[in-house]
C-alpha atoms as a PDB file:
ATOM      1  CA  MET A   1      11.757 -11.617  15.107  1.00  0.00           C
ATOM      2  CA  ALA A   2      14.001 -10.547  12.222  1.00  0.00           C
ATOM      3  CA  GLN A   3      14.576  -6.854  11.765  1.00  0.00           C
ATOM      4  CA  ALA A   4      12.902  -5.038   8.860  1.00  0.00           C
ATOM      5  CA  ARG A   5      15.410  -4.406   6.103  1.00  0.00           C
ATOM      6  CA  GLU A   6      15.725  -3.474   2.470  1.00  0.00           C
ATOM      7  CA  PRO A   7      15.464  -6.432   0.094  1.00  0.00           C
ATOM      8  CA  ASN A   8      18.419  -7.039  -2.198  1.00  0.00           C
ATOM      9  CA  ALA A   9      18.573  -5.423  -5.632  1.00  0.00           C
ATOM     10  CA  SER A  10      17.792  -8.602  -7.577  1.00  0.00           C
ATOM     11  CA  ASP A  11      14.631  -9.249  -5.530  1.00  0.00           C
ATOM     12  CA  LEU A  12      13.515  -5.646  -6.048  1.00  0.00           C
ATOM     13  CA  ALA A  13      14.178  -5.927  -9.795  1.00  0.00           C
ATOM     14  CA  ALA A  14      12.132  -9.147  -9.996  1.00  0.00           C
ATOM     15  CA  ALA A  15       9.255  -7.518  -8.096  1.00  0.00           C
ATOM     16  CA  CYS A  16       9.351  -4.508 -10.445  1.00  0.00           C
ATOM     17  CA  ARG A  17       9.311  -6.785 -13.513  1.00  0.00           C
ATOM     18  CA  ALA A  18       6.189  -8.460 -12.131  1.00  0.00           C
ATOM     19  CA  LEU A  19       4.575  -5.070 -11.479  1.00  0.00           C
ATOM     20  CA  GLY A  20       5.467  -3.926 -14.992  1.00  0.00           C
ATOM     21  CA  ARG A  21       3.692  -6.960 -16.444  1.00  0.00           C
ATOM     22  CA  GLY A  22       0.536  -6.018 -14.533  1.00  0.00           C
ATOM     23  CA  GLY A  23       1.280  -8.463 -11.736  1.00  0.00           C
ATOM     24  CA  ILE A  24       0.415  -8.534  -8.062  1.00  0.00           C
ATOM     25  CA  VAL A  25       3.291  -8.483  -5.604  1.00  0.00           C
ATOM     26  CA  ALA A  26       3.243  -9.403  -1.914  1.00  0.00           C
ATOM     27  CA  TYR A  27       5.654  -7.422   0.260  1.00  0.00           C
ATOM     28  CA  PRO A  28       6.272  -6.645   3.927  1.00  0.00           C
ATOM     29  CA  THR A  29       4.972  -3.470   5.567  1.00  0.00           C
ATOM     30  CA  GLU A  30       5.103  -2.078   9.087  1.00  0.00           C
ATOM     31  CA  ALA A  31       2.879  -4.799  10.604  1.00  0.00           C
ATOM     32  CA  VAL A  32       1.646  -7.260   7.974  1.00  0.00           C
ATOM     33  CA  PHE A  33       2.321  -8.306   4.413  1.00  0.00           C
ATOM     34  CA  GLY A  34       0.651  -6.212   1.767  1.00  0.00           C
ATOM     35  CA  LEU A  35      -0.546  -7.005  -1.720  1.00  0.00           C
ATOM     36  CA  GLY A  36       0.224  -4.385  -4.289  1.00  0.00           C
ATOM     37  CA  CYS A  37       0.158  -3.524  -7.932  1.00  0.00           C
ATOM     38  CA  ASP A  38       0.570  -0.576 -10.264  1.00  0.00           C
ATOM     39  CA  PRO A  39      -2.220   1.882  -9.364  1.00  0.00           C
ATOM     40  CA  ALA A  40      -2.363   3.058 -12.983  1.00  0.00           C
ATOM     41  CA  ASN A  41      -3.152  -0.478 -14.232  1.00  0.00           C
ATOM     42  CA  ARG A  42      -6.905  -0.962 -13.892  1.00  0.00           C
ATOM     43  CA  ASP A  43      -6.749  -4.656 -14.840  1.00  0.00           C
ATOM     44  CA  ALA A  44      -4.165  -5.344 -12.124  1.00  0.00           C
ATOM     45  CA  VAL A  45      -6.204  -3.465  -9.507  1.00  0.00           C
ATOM     46  CA  GLU A  46      -9.387  -5.313 -10.485  1.00  0.00           C
ATOM     47  CA  ARG A  47      -7.555  -8.643 -10.289  1.00  0.00           C
ATOM     48  CA  LEU A  48      -6.235  -7.721  -6.832  1.00  0.00           C
ATOM     49  CA  LEU A  49      -9.733  -6.773  -5.645  1.00  0.00           C
ATOM     50  CA  ALA A  50     -11.083 -10.099  -6.950  1.00  0.00           C
ATOM     51  CA  LEU A  51      -8.319 -12.062  -5.156  1.00  0.00           C
ATOM     52  CA  LYS A  52      -9.136 -10.315  -1.890  1.00  0.00           C
ATOM     53  CA  GLN A  53     -12.889 -10.531  -2.492  1.00  0.00           C
ATOM     54  CA  ARG A  54     -12.967  -6.803  -1.707  1.00  0.00           C
ATOM     55  CA  PRO A  55     -15.634  -4.490  -3.160  1.00  0.00           C
ATOM     56  CA  VAL A  56     -14.317  -1.603  -5.244  1.00  0.00           C
ATOM     57  CA  ALA A  57     -16.532   0.843  -3.329  1.00  0.00           C
ATOM     58  CA  LYS A  58     -14.314   0.514  -0.217  1.00  0.00           C
ATOM     59  CA  GLY A  59     -11.306   2.061  -1.945  1.00  0.00           C
ATOM     60  CA  LEU A  60      -7.656   1.154  -1.541  1.00  0.00           C
ATOM     61  CA  ILE A  61      -4.523   2.487   0.121  1.00  0.00           C
ATOM     62  CA  LEU A  62      -1.504   3.769  -1.772  1.00  0.00           C
ATOM     63  CA  ILE A  63       1.970   3.615  -0.261  1.00  0.00           C
ATOM     64  CA  ALA A  64       4.958   5.639  -1.385  1.00  0.00           C
ATOM     65  CA  ALA A  65       8.597   6.198  -0.501  1.00  0.00           C
ATOM     66  CA  ASP A  66       8.042   9.961  -0.450  1.00  0.00           C
ATOM     67  CA  GLU A  67       5.252  12.479  -0.855  1.00  0.00           C
ATOM     68  CA  ALA A  68       6.147  13.269  -4.486  1.00  0.00           C
ATOM     69  CA  GLN A  69       5.198   9.708  -5.508  1.00  0.00           C
ATOM     70  CA  LEU A  70       1.607  10.432  -4.467  1.00  0.00           C
ATOM     71  CA  GLU A  71       1.197  13.501  -6.717  1.00  0.00           C
ATOM     72  CA  PRO A  72      -0.710  11.749  -9.533  1.00  0.00           C
ATOM     73  CA  TRP A  73      -3.364  10.635  -7.066  1.00  0.00           C
ATOM     74  CA  VAL A  74      -3.481  13.222  -4.263  1.00  0.00           C
ATOM     75  CA  GLU A  75      -4.279  16.939  -4.493  1.00  0.00           C
ATOM     76  CA  PRO A  76      -1.487  19.215  -3.246  1.00  0.00           C
ATOM     77  CA  LEU A  77      -1.797  19.527   0.508  1.00  0.00           C
ATOM     78  CA  THR A  78      -3.057  22.819   1.856  1.00  0.00           C
ATOM     79  CA  PRO A  79      -0.921  24.291   4.657  1.00  0.00           C
ATOM     80  CA  GLU A  80      -3.515  23.085   7.184  1.00  0.00           C
ATOM     81  CA  LEU A  81      -3.487  19.503   5.862  1.00  0.00           C
ATOM     82  CA  ALA A  82       0.311  19.493   5.527  1.00  0.00           C
ATOM     83  CA  ALA A  83       0.646  20.543   9.184  1.00  0.00           C
ATOM     84  CA  ARG A  84      -1.484  17.554  10.194  1.00  0.00           C
ATOM     85  CA  VAL A  85      -0.057  14.924   7.823  1.00  0.00           C
ATOM     86  CA  GLU A  86       3.632  15.615   7.263  1.00  0.00           C
ATOM     87  CA  PRO A  87       4.813  15.158  10.884  1.00  0.00           C
ATOM     88  CA  THR A  88       3.559  11.526  10.727  1.00  0.00           C
ATOM     89  CA  TRP A  89       5.446  10.637   7.521  1.00  0.00           C
ATOM     90  CA  PRO A  90       7.317   8.517   6.891  1.00  0.00           C
ATOM     91  CA  GLY A  91       5.497   6.321   9.325  1.00  0.00           C
ATOM     92  CA  PRO A  92       2.621   3.925   9.974  1.00  0.00           C
ATOM     93  CA  VAL A  93      -0.182   6.474   9.532  1.00  0.00           C
ATOM     94  CA  THR A  94      -2.461   6.320   6.505  1.00  0.00           C
ATOM     95  CA  TRP A  95      -4.370   9.506   5.734  1.00  0.00           C
ATOM     96  CA  LEU A  96      -7.559  10.045   3.750  1.00  0.00           C
ATOM     97  CA  LEU A  97      -6.539  12.888   1.445  1.00  0.00           C
ATOM     98  CA  PRO A  98      -8.386  14.797  -1.273  1.00  0.00           C
ATOM     99  CA  ALA A  99      -8.046  12.788  -4.486  1.00  0.00           C
ATOM    100  CA  THR A 100      -7.115  14.434  -7.761  1.00  0.00           C
ATOM    101  CA  ALA A 101      -9.850  14.830 -10.356  1.00  0.00           C
ATOM    102  CA  THR A 102      -8.081  12.137 -12.409  1.00  0.00           C
ATOM    103  CA  CYS A 103      -7.771   9.601  -9.571  1.00  0.00           C
ATOM    104  CA  PRO A 104      -9.873   6.681 -10.806  1.00  0.00           C
ATOM    105  CA  GLU A 105     -12.839   5.297  -8.905  1.00  0.00           C
ATOM    106  CA  TYR A 106     -11.255   1.838  -8.930  1.00  0.00           C
ATOM    107  CA  LEU A 107      -8.661   3.266  -6.483  1.00  0.00           C
ATOM    108  CA  ARG A 108     -10.683   5.693  -4.362  1.00  0.00           C
ATOM    109  CA  GLY A 109     -13.930   3.698  -4.302  1.00  0.00           C
ATOM    110  CA  ALA A 110     -17.078   5.644  -3.517  1.00  0.00           C
ATOM    111  CA  HIS A 111     -15.107   8.516  -1.981  1.00  0.00           C
ATOM    112  CA  ASP A 112     -13.642  11.870  -2.997  1.00  0.00           C
ATOM    113  CA  THR A 113     -10.527  10.963  -1.015  1.00  0.00           C
ATOM    114  CA  ILE A 114      -7.717   8.467  -1.463  1.00  0.00           C
ATOM    115  CA  ALA A 115      -6.016   6.686   1.433  1.00  0.00           C
ATOM    116  CA  ALA A 116      -2.249   7.252   1.264  1.00  0.00           C
ATOM    117  CA  ARG A 117       0.857   6.648   3.358  1.00  0.00           C
ATOM    118  CA  VAL A 118       4.544   7.456   3.041  1.00  0.00           C
ATOM    119  CA  THR A 119       5.919   4.267   4.521  1.00  0.00           C
ATOM    120  CA  ALA A 120       8.807   4.017   6.943  1.00  0.00           C
ATOM    121  CA  HIS A 121       9.224   0.286   6.315  1.00  0.00           C
ATOM    122  CA  PRO A 122      12.617  -0.088   4.586  1.00  0.00           C
ATOM    123  CA  GLY A 123      11.478  -2.900   2.288  1.00  0.00           C
ATOM    124  CA  ALA A 124       8.217  -1.290   1.203  1.00  0.00           C
ATOM    125  CA  ALA A 125       9.942   2.077   0.682  1.00  0.00           C
ATOM    126  CA  ALA A 126      12.722   0.403  -1.339  1.00  0.00           C
ATOM    127  CA  LEU A 127      10.107  -1.281  -3.522  1.00  0.00           C
ATOM    128  CA  CYS A 128       8.379   2.060  -4.194  1.00  0.00           C
ATOM    129  CA  ARG A 129      11.736   3.682  -5.017  1.00  0.00           C
ATOM    130  CA  ALA A 130      12.703   0.822  -7.342  1.00  0.00           C
ATOM    131  CA  TRP A 131       9.270   0.939  -9.002  1.00  0.00           C
ATOM    132  CA  GLY A 132       9.505   4.725  -9.303  1.00  0.00           C
ATOM    133  CA  GLY A 133       6.126   5.543  -7.831  1.00  0.00           C
ATOM    134  CA  ALA A 134       3.345   4.727  -5.447  1.00  0.00           C
ATOM    135  CA  LEU A 135       1.858   1.251  -5.199  1.00  0.00           C
ATOM    136  CA  VAL A 136      -1.523  -0.075  -4.196  1.00  0.00           C
ATOM    137  CA  SER A 137      -1.208  -1.477  -0.681  1.00  0.00           C
ATOM    138  CA  THR A 138      -3.842  -3.688   0.849  1.00  0.00           C
ATOM    139  CA  SER A 139      -3.304  -6.319   3.501  1.00  0.00           C
ATOM    140  CA  ALA A 140      -2.469  -9.822   2.275  1.00  0.00           C
ATOM    141  CA  ASN A 141      -5.696 -11.573   3.219  1.00  0.00           C
ATOM    142  CA  ARG A 142      -9.069 -12.370   1.781  1.00  0.00           C
ATOM    143  CA  ALA A 143     -11.949 -10.254   3.074  1.00  0.00           C
ATOM    144  CA  GLY A 144     -12.693 -11.113   6.693  1.00  0.00           C
ATOM    145  CA  ALA A 145      -9.539 -13.203   7.257  1.00  0.00           C
ATOM    146  CA  GLU A 146      -6.509 -12.271   9.349  1.00  0.00           C
ATOM    147  CA  PRO A 147      -3.712 -10.592   7.358  1.00  0.00           C
ATOM    148  CA  ALA A 148      -0.539 -12.555   6.677  1.00  0.00           C
ATOM    149  CA  ARG A 149       2.367 -11.560   8.919  1.00  0.00           C
ATOM    150  CA  ASP A 150       5.036 -13.540   7.062  1.00  0.00           C
ATOM    151  CA  ALA A 151       5.806 -15.123   3.699  1.00  0.00           C
ATOM    152  CA  ALA A 152       4.414 -18.494   4.793  1.00  0.00           C
ATOM    153  CA  GLY A 153       1.078 -16.855   5.599  1.00  0.00           C
ATOM    154  CA  VAL A 154       1.000 -15.213   2.165  1.00  0.00           C
ATOM    155  CA  ARG A 155       1.697 -18.552   0.468  1.00  0.00           C
ATOM    156  CA  ALA A 156      -0.992 -20.280   2.540  1.00  0.00           C
ATOM    157  CA  ALA A 157      -3.586 -17.640   1.664  1.00  0.00           C
ATOM    158  CA  PHE A 158      -2.765 -17.054  -1.996  1.00  0.00           C
ATOM    159  CA  GLY A 159      -0.490 -19.824  -3.283  1.00  0.00           C
ATOM    160  CA  ARG A 160       0.462 -19.130  -6.885  1.00  0.00           C
ATOM    161  CA  THR A 161      -2.272 -16.562  -7.505  1.00  0.00           C
ATOM    162  CA  ILE A 162       0.179 -13.734  -6.845  1.00  0.00           C
ATOM    163  CA  ASP A 163       3.017 -12.985  -9.234  1.00  0.00           C
ATOM    164  CA  TYR A 164       5.897 -12.268  -6.864  1.00  0.00           C
ATOM    165  CA  LEU A 165       6.578 -12.556  -3.143  1.00  0.00           C
ATOM    166  CA  LEU A 166       9.172 -10.143  -1.769  1.00  0.00           C
ATOM    167  CA  ASN A 167      10.280 -12.209   1.209  1.00  0.00           C
ATOM    168  CA  ALA A 168      11.601  -9.917   3.929  1.00  0.00           C
ATOM    169  CA  PRO A 169      10.573  -9.233   7.537  1.00  0.00           C
ATOM    170  CA  THR A 170       7.705  -6.931   8.446  1.00  0.00           C
ATOM    171  CA  GLY A 171       8.342  -4.041  10.802  1.00  0.00           C
ATOM    172  CA  GLY A 172       6.892  -6.014  13.711  1.00  0.00           C
ATOM    173  CA  ALA A 173       4.165  -3.495  14.587  1.00  0.00           C
ATOM    174  CA  PRO A 174       1.303  -5.168  16.477  1.00  0.00           C
ATOM    175  CA  ARG A 175      -1.408  -3.957  14.084  1.00  0.00           C
ATOM    176  CA  PRO A 176      -1.746  -2.359  10.648  1.00  0.00           C
ATOM    177  CA  SER A 177      -1.342   1.374  10.145  1.00  0.00           C
ATOM    178  CA  SER A 178      -3.846   3.713  11.697  1.00  0.00           C
ATOM    179  CA  ILE A 179      -6.165   5.471   9.260  1.00  0.00           C
ATOM    180  CA  ARG A 180      -7.051   9.117   9.831  1.00  0.00           C
ATOM    181  CA  ASP A 181      -9.120  11.663   7.966  1.00  0.00           C
ATOM    182  CA  ALA A 182      -6.837  14.578   7.075  1.00  0.00           C
ATOM    183  CA  ARG A 183      -9.740  17.024   6.767  1.00  0.00           C
ATOM    184  CA  THR A 184     -11.144  16.374  10.264  1.00  0.00           C
ATOM    185  CA  GLY A 185      -8.256  14.716  12.104  1.00  0.00           C
ATOM    186  CA  ASP A 186     -10.634  11.885  13.092  1.00  0.00           C
ATOM    187  CA  THR A 187      -9.137   8.417  13.558  1.00  0.00           C
ATOM    188  CA  LEU A 188     -11.011   5.790  11.566  1.00  0.00           C
ATOM    189  CA  ARG A 189      -8.783   2.832  12.472  1.00  0.00           C
ATOM    190  CA  GLU A 190      -6.512   2.858  15.484  1.00  0.00           C
END
């Protein structure tokens, strides 16, 4: 398996142009390919949810290159939450964190939390840095199907319905990030 790496600058620029036009971008993460868009663009998020056949009530994950990129969506971490969350970042752990009052329902679903991760995947982190903020991150699959683990799987599942495919290796992890509740420490997905 190829080693996870940062995509080249021209690929990152093309992905960011697609995001800026309200597009959906497929990109590698720690274990699988993700589909992402600008979390501030409601139309893009709704299009992504329709492509995945995913109900808005479930909520979405945001990924970021660093904690500061999550500030528009996540309340500042209390010392207790920071002690639980920060040792796992960057890394393959997604946390349910208290959402800001302005975090839209189309991102958080029927919850008062938002799922967020500071990614350690070099390609996903580079995309967030190039974009200048957090991105929606949901596995590249339709509801109930296996997530795509490579570019060919993304193409097979979505064809031309996505706007850009950032073709680089995943991190090779055997399964997607774990999901934990920051308030309780409970693991919701191993």
